[in-house]
Amino acid sequence: METIKFFAEVKDFRINRKKLYSLPEILLISLCAVVSGAEDFEEIAEYGRQNCLF
């Protein structure tokens, strides 16, 4: 199973009007960032800014 499809099965409890990014995208970026050495939220966010086109 593709990773993004796996993450798409996770229930998203956020308020719809507050969603800027999809939960599967957030989870995939977080996973990639942690595997790449990110240790906290700030490093995950920086990884997302540097490596993803939104």
PDB file of N, CA and C in Angstrom:
ATOM      1  N   MET A   1       0.850  -1.187   0.000  1.00  0.00           N
ATOM      2  CA  MET A   1       0.000   0.000   0.000  1.00  0.00           C
ATOM      3  C   MET A   1       0.888   1.241   0.000  1.00  0.00           C
ATOM      4  N   GLU A   2       0.530   2.211  -0.804  1.00  0.00           N
ATOM      5  CA  GLU A   2       1.278   3.462  -0.812  1.00  0.00           C
ATOM      6  C   GLU A   2       1.113   4.174   0.527  1.00  0.00           C
ATOM      7  N   THR A   3       2.151   4.843   0.952  1.00  0.00           N
ATOM      8  CA  THR A   3       2.133   5.518   2.252  1.00  0.00           C
ATOM      9  C   THR A   3       1.030   6.561   2.332  1.00  0.00           C
ATOM     10  N   ILE A   4       0.847   7.354   1.289  1.00  0.00           N
ATOM     11  CA  ILE A   4      -0.172   8.412   1.323  1.00  0.00           C
ATOM     12  C   ILE A   4      -1.568   7.807   1.422  1.00  0.00           C
ATOM     13  N   LYS A   5      -1.797   6.664   0.777  1.00  0.00           N
ATOM     14  CA  LYS A   5      -3.093   5.986   0.873  1.00  0.00           C
ATOM     15  C   LYS A   5      -3.303   5.442   2.280  1.00  0.00           C
ATOM     16  N   PHE A   6      -2.231   4.945   2.890  1.00  0.00           N
ATOM     17  CA  PHE A   6      -2.307   4.465   4.262  1.00  0.00           C
ATOM     18  C   PHE A   6      -2.711   5.605   5.196  1.00  0.00           C
ATOM     19  N   PHE A   7      -2.067   6.762   5.051  1.00  0.00           N
ATOM     20  CA  PHE A   7      -2.378   7.915   5.892  1.00  0.00           C
ATOM     21  C   PHE A   7      -3.775   8.462   5.609  1.00  0.00           C
ATOM     22  N   ALA A   8      -4.295   8.269   4.414  1.00  0.00           N
ATOM     23  CA  ALA A   8      -5.636   8.756   4.068  1.00  0.00           C
ATOM     24  C   ALA A   8      -6.716   8.052   4.880  1.00  0.00           C
ATOM     25  N   GLU A   9      -6.393   6.894   5.438  1.00  0.00           N
ATOM     26  CA  GLU A   9      -7.358   6.150   6.243  1.00  0.00           C
ATOM     27  C   GLU A   9      -7.455   6.664   7.678  1.00  0.00           C
ATOM     28  N   VAL A  10      -6.549   7.530   8.078  1.00  0.00           N
ATOM     29  CA  VAL A  10      -6.558   8.092   9.434  1.00  0.00           C
ATOM     30  C   VAL A  10      -7.661   9.137   9.531  1.00  0.00           C
ATOM     31  N   LYS A  11      -8.497   9.035  10.563  1.00  0.00           N
ATOM     32  CA  LYS A  11      -9.605   9.969  10.762  1.00  0.00           C
ATOM     33  C   LYS A  11      -9.058  11.340  11.147  1.00  0.00           C
ATOM     34  N   ASP A  12      -9.562  12.362  10.497  1.00  0.00           N
ATOM     35  CA  ASP A  12      -9.141  13.742  10.750  1.00  0.00           C
ATOM     36  C   ASP A  12     -10.219  14.435  11.578  1.00  0.00           C
ATOM     37  N   PHE A  13      -9.907  14.795  12.809  1.00  0.00           N
ATOM     38  CA  PHE A  13     -10.876  15.395  13.718  1.00  0.00           C
ATOM     39  C   PHE A  13     -10.804  16.921  13.748  1.00  0.00           C
ATOM     40  N   ARG A  14     -10.022  17.501  12.847  1.00  0.00           N
ATOM     41  CA  ARG A  14      -9.909  18.959  12.837  1.00  0.00           C
ATOM     42  C   ARG A  14     -11.176  19.598  12.273  1.00  0.00           C
ATOM     43  N   ILE A  15     -11.408  20.854  12.631  1.00  0.00           N
ATOM     44  CA  ILE A  15     -12.542  21.622  12.114  1.00  0.00           C
ATOM     45  C   ILE A  15     -12.278  21.931  10.645  1.00  0.00           C
ATOM     46  N   ASN A  16     -13.255  21.671   9.783  1.00  0.00           N
ATOM     47  CA  ASN A  16     -13.065  21.814   8.336  1.00  0.00           C
ATOM     48  C   ASN A  16     -12.548  23.183   7.924  1.00  0.00           C
ATOM     49  N   ARG A  17     -13.093  24.245   8.489  1.00  0.00           N
ATOM     50  CA  ARG A  17     -12.685  25.583   8.049  1.00  0.00           C
ATOM     51  C   ARG A  17     -11.268  25.938   8.503  1.00  0.00           C
ATOM     52  N   LYS A  18     -10.701  25.160   9.402  1.00  0.00           N
ATOM     53  CA  LYS A  18      -9.349  25.416   9.908  1.00  0.00           C
ATOM     54  C   LYS A  18      -8.279  24.613   9.174  1.00  0.00           C
ATOM     55  N   LYS A  19      -8.677  23.782   8.229  1.00  0.00           N
ATOM     56  CA  LYS A  19      -7.722  22.910   7.541  1.00  0.00           C
ATOM     57  C   LYS A  19      -7.030  23.658   6.407  1.00  0.00           C
ATOM     58  N   LEU A  20      -5.734  23.834   6.536  1.00  0.00           N
ATOM     59  CA  LEU A  20      -4.942  24.456   5.483  1.00  0.00           C
ATOM     60  C   LEU A  20      -4.314  23.382   4.595  1.00  0.00           C
ATOM     61  N   TYR A  21      -3.877  22.286   5.214  1.00  0.00           N
ATOM     62  CA  TYR A  21      -3.276  21.161   4.494  1.00  0.00           C
ATOM     63  C   TYR A  21      -4.022  19.888   4.865  1.00  0.00           C
ATOM     64  N   SER A  22      -4.004  18.911   3.972  1.00  0.00           N
ATOM     65  CA  SER A  22      -4.681  17.650   4.264  1.00  0.00           C
ATOM     66  C   SER A  22      -3.868  16.861   5.292  1.00  0.00           C
ATOM     67  N   LEU A  23      -4.568  16.074   6.096  1.00  0.00           N
ATOM     68  CA  LEU A  23      -3.898  15.284   7.125  1.00  0.00           C
ATOM     69  C   LEU A  23      -2.899  14.294   6.528  1.00  0.00           C
ATOM     70  N   PRO A  24      -3.235  13.580   5.454  1.00  0.00           N
ATOM     71  CA  PRO A  24      -2.238  12.669   4.878  1.00  0.00           C
ATOM     72  C   PRO A  24      -0.949  13.383   4.454  1.00  0.00           C
ATOM     73  N   GLU A  25      -1.056  14.598   3.916  1.00  0.00           N
ATOM     74  CA  GLU A  25       0.144  15.356   3.545  1.00  0.00           C
ATOM     75  C   GLU A  25       0.969  15.711   4.777  1.00  0.00           C
ATOM     76  N   ILE A  26       0.302  16.132   5.834  1.00  0.00           N
ATOM     77  CA  ILE A  26       0.998  16.491   7.075  1.00  0.00           C
ATOM     78  C   ILE A  26       1.723  15.279   7.646  1.00  0.00           C
ATOM     79  N   LEU A  27       1.042  14.139   7.673  1.00  0.00           N
ATOM     80  CA  LEU A  27       1.643  12.932   8.230  1.00  0.00           C
ATOM     81  C   LEU A  27       2.826  12.451   7.391  1.00  0.00           C
ATOM     82  N   LEU A  28       2.695  12.516   6.080  1.00  0.00           N
ATOM     83  CA  LEU A  28       3.786  12.084   5.207  1.00  0.00           C
ATOM     84  C   LEU A  28       5.004  12.998   5.348  1.00  0.00           C
ATOM     85  N   ILE A  29       4.779  14.294   5.371  1.00  0.00           N
ATOM     86  CA  ILE A  29       5.888  15.239   5.557  1.00  0.00           C
ATOM     87  C   ILE A  29       6.544  15.023   6.916  1.00  0.00           C
ATOM     88  N   SER A  30       5.735  14.801   7.946  1.00  0.00           N
ATOM     89  CA  SER A  30       6.272  14.555   9.289  1.00  0.00           C
ATOM     90  C   SER A  30       7.127  13.300   9.316  1.00  0.00           C
ATOM     91  N   LEU A  31       6.648  12.230   8.690  1.00  0.00           N
ATOM     92  CA  LEU A  31       7.410  10.984   8.633  1.00  0.00           C
ATOM     93  C   LEU A  31       8.745  11.193   7.919  1.00  0.00           C
ATOM     94  N   CYS A  32       8.699  11.830   6.766  1.00  0.00           N
ATOM     95  CA  CYS A  32       9.931  12.086   6.005  1.00  0.00           C
ATOM     96  C   CYS A  32      10.902  12.952   6.797  1.00  0.00           C
ATOM     97  N   ALA A  33      10.385  13.956   7.481  1.00  0.00           N
ATOM     98  CA  ALA A  33      11.237  14.852   8.263  1.00  0.00           C
ATOM     99  C   ALA A  33      11.916  14.109   9.409  1.00  0.00           C
ATOM    100  N   VAL A  34      11.167  13.283  10.114  1.00  0.00           N
ATOM    101  CA  VAL A  34      11.731  12.544  11.246  1.00  0.00           C
ATOM    102  C   VAL A  34      12.778  11.542  10.764  1.00  0.00           C
ATOM    103  N   VAL A  35      12.491  10.854   9.670  1.00  0.00           N
ATOM    104  CA  VAL A  35      13.469   9.918   9.105  1.00  0.00           C
ATOM    105  C   VAL A  35      14.737  10.662   8.680  1.00  0.00           C
ATOM    106  N   SER A  36      14.574  11.919   8.286  1.00  0.00           N
ATOM    107  CA  SER A  36      15.712  12.743   7.857  1.00  0.00           C
ATOM    108  C   SER A  36      16.435  13.414   9.018  1.00  0.00           C
ATOM    109  N   GLY A  37      15.957  13.184  10.241  1.00  0.00           N
ATOM    110  CA  GLY A  37      16.667  13.698  11.404  1.00  0.00           C
ATOM    111  C   GLY A  37      15.974  14.788  12.189  1.00  0.00           C
ATOM    112  N   ALA A  38      14.781  15.209  11.780  1.00  0.00           N
ATOM    113  CA  ALA A  38      14.059  16.243  12.537  1.00  0.00           C
ATOM    114  C   ALA A  38      13.704  15.702  13.923  1.00  0.00           C
ATOM    115  N   GLU A  39      13.884  16.541  14.932  1.00  0.00           N
ATOM    116  CA  GLU A  39      13.652  16.105  16.303  1.00  0.00           C
ATOM    117  C   GLU A  39      12.513  16.828  17.004  1.00  0.00           C
ATOM    118  N   ASP A  40      11.981  17.884  16.414  1.00  0.00           N
ATOM    119  CA  ASP A  40      10.872  18.585  17.051  1.00  0.00           C
ATOM    120  C   ASP A  40       9.997  19.241  15.983  1.00  0.00           C
ATOM    121  N   PHE A  41       8.914  19.884  16.448  1.00  0.00           N
ATOM    122  CA  PHE A  41       7.944  20.469  15.523  1.00  0.00           C
ATOM    123  C   PHE A  41       8.569  21.521  14.619  1.00  0.00           C
ATOM    124  N   GLU A  42       9.439  22.348  15.184  1.00  0.00           N
ATOM    125  CA  GLU A  42      10.062  23.398  14.383  1.00  0.00           C
ATOM    126  C   GLU A  42      10.899  22.808  13.248  1.00  0.00           C
ATOM    127  N   GLU A  43      11.620  21.743  13.531  1.00  0.00           N
ATOM    128  CA  GLU A  43      12.440  21.105  12.502  1.00  0.00           C
ATOM    129  C   GLU A  43      11.573  20.422  11.445  1.00  0.00           C
ATOM    130  N   ILE A  44      10.440  19.853  11.859  1.00  0.00           N
ATOM    131  CA  ILE A  44       9.508  19.254  10.898  1.00  0.00           C
ATOM    132  C   ILE A  44       8.938  20.339   9.990  1.00  0.00           C
ATOM    133  N   ALA A  45       8.548  21.471  10.570  1.00  0.00           N
ATOM    134  CA  ALA A  45       8.005  22.577   9.777  1.00  0.00           C
ATOM    135  C   ALA A  45       9.051  23.105   8.802  1.00  0.00           C
ATOM    136  N   GLU A  46      10.275  23.246   9.248  1.00  0.00           N
ATOM    137  CA  GLU A  46      11.352  23.716   8.376  1.00  0.00           C
ATOM    138  C   GLU A  46      11.596  22.726   7.239  1.00  0.00           C
ATOM    139  N   TYR A  47      11.566  21.450   7.542  1.00  0.00           N
ATOM    140  CA  TYR A  47      11.716  20.428   6.502  1.00  0.00           C
ATOM    141  C   TYR A  47      10.610  20.582   5.456  1.00  0.00           C
ATOM    142  N   GLY A  48       9.391  20.778   5.912  1.00  0.00           N
ATOM    143  CA  GLY A  48       8.275  20.951   4.989  1.00  0.00           C
ATOM    144  C   GLY A  48       8.440  22.173   4.104  1.00  0.00           C
ATOM    145  N   ARG A  49       8.894  23.280   4.689  1.00  0.00           N
ATOM    146  CA  ARG A  49       9.101  24.504   3.902  1.00  0.00           C
ATOM    147  C   ARG A  49      10.203  24.323   2.857  1.00  0.00           C
ATOM    148  N   GLN A  50      11.247  23.609   3.204  1.00  0.00           N
ATOM    149  CA  GLN A  50      12.396  23.465   2.306  1.00  0.00           C
ATOM    150  C   GLN A  50      12.208  22.393   1.233  1.00  0.00           C
ATOM    151  N   ASN A  51      11.391  21.381   1.500  1.00  0.00           N
ATOM    152  CA  ASN A  51      11.353  20.218   0.618  1.00  0.00           C
ATOM    153  C   ASN A  51      10.025  19.967  -0.075  1.00  0.00           C
ATOM    154  N   CYS A  52       9.018  20.762   0.189  1.00  0.00           N
ATOM    155  CA  CYS A  52       7.697  20.499  -0.386  1.00  0.00           C
ATOM    156  C   CYS A  52       7.168  21.747  -1.084  1.00  0.00           C
ATOM    157  N   LEU A  53       6.527  21.540  -2.190  1.00  0.00           N
ATOM    158  CA  LEU A  53       5.930  22.648  -2.941  1.00  0.00           C
ATOM    159  C   LEU A  53       4.440  22.717  -2.638  1.00  0.00           C
ATOM    160  N   PHE A  54       4.019  23.799  -1.992  1.00  0.00           N
ATOM    161  CA  PHE A  54       2.596  23.983  -1.678  1.00  0.00           C
ATOM    162  C   PHE A  54       2.113  25.240  -2.344  1.00  0.00           C
TER     163      PHE A  54
END
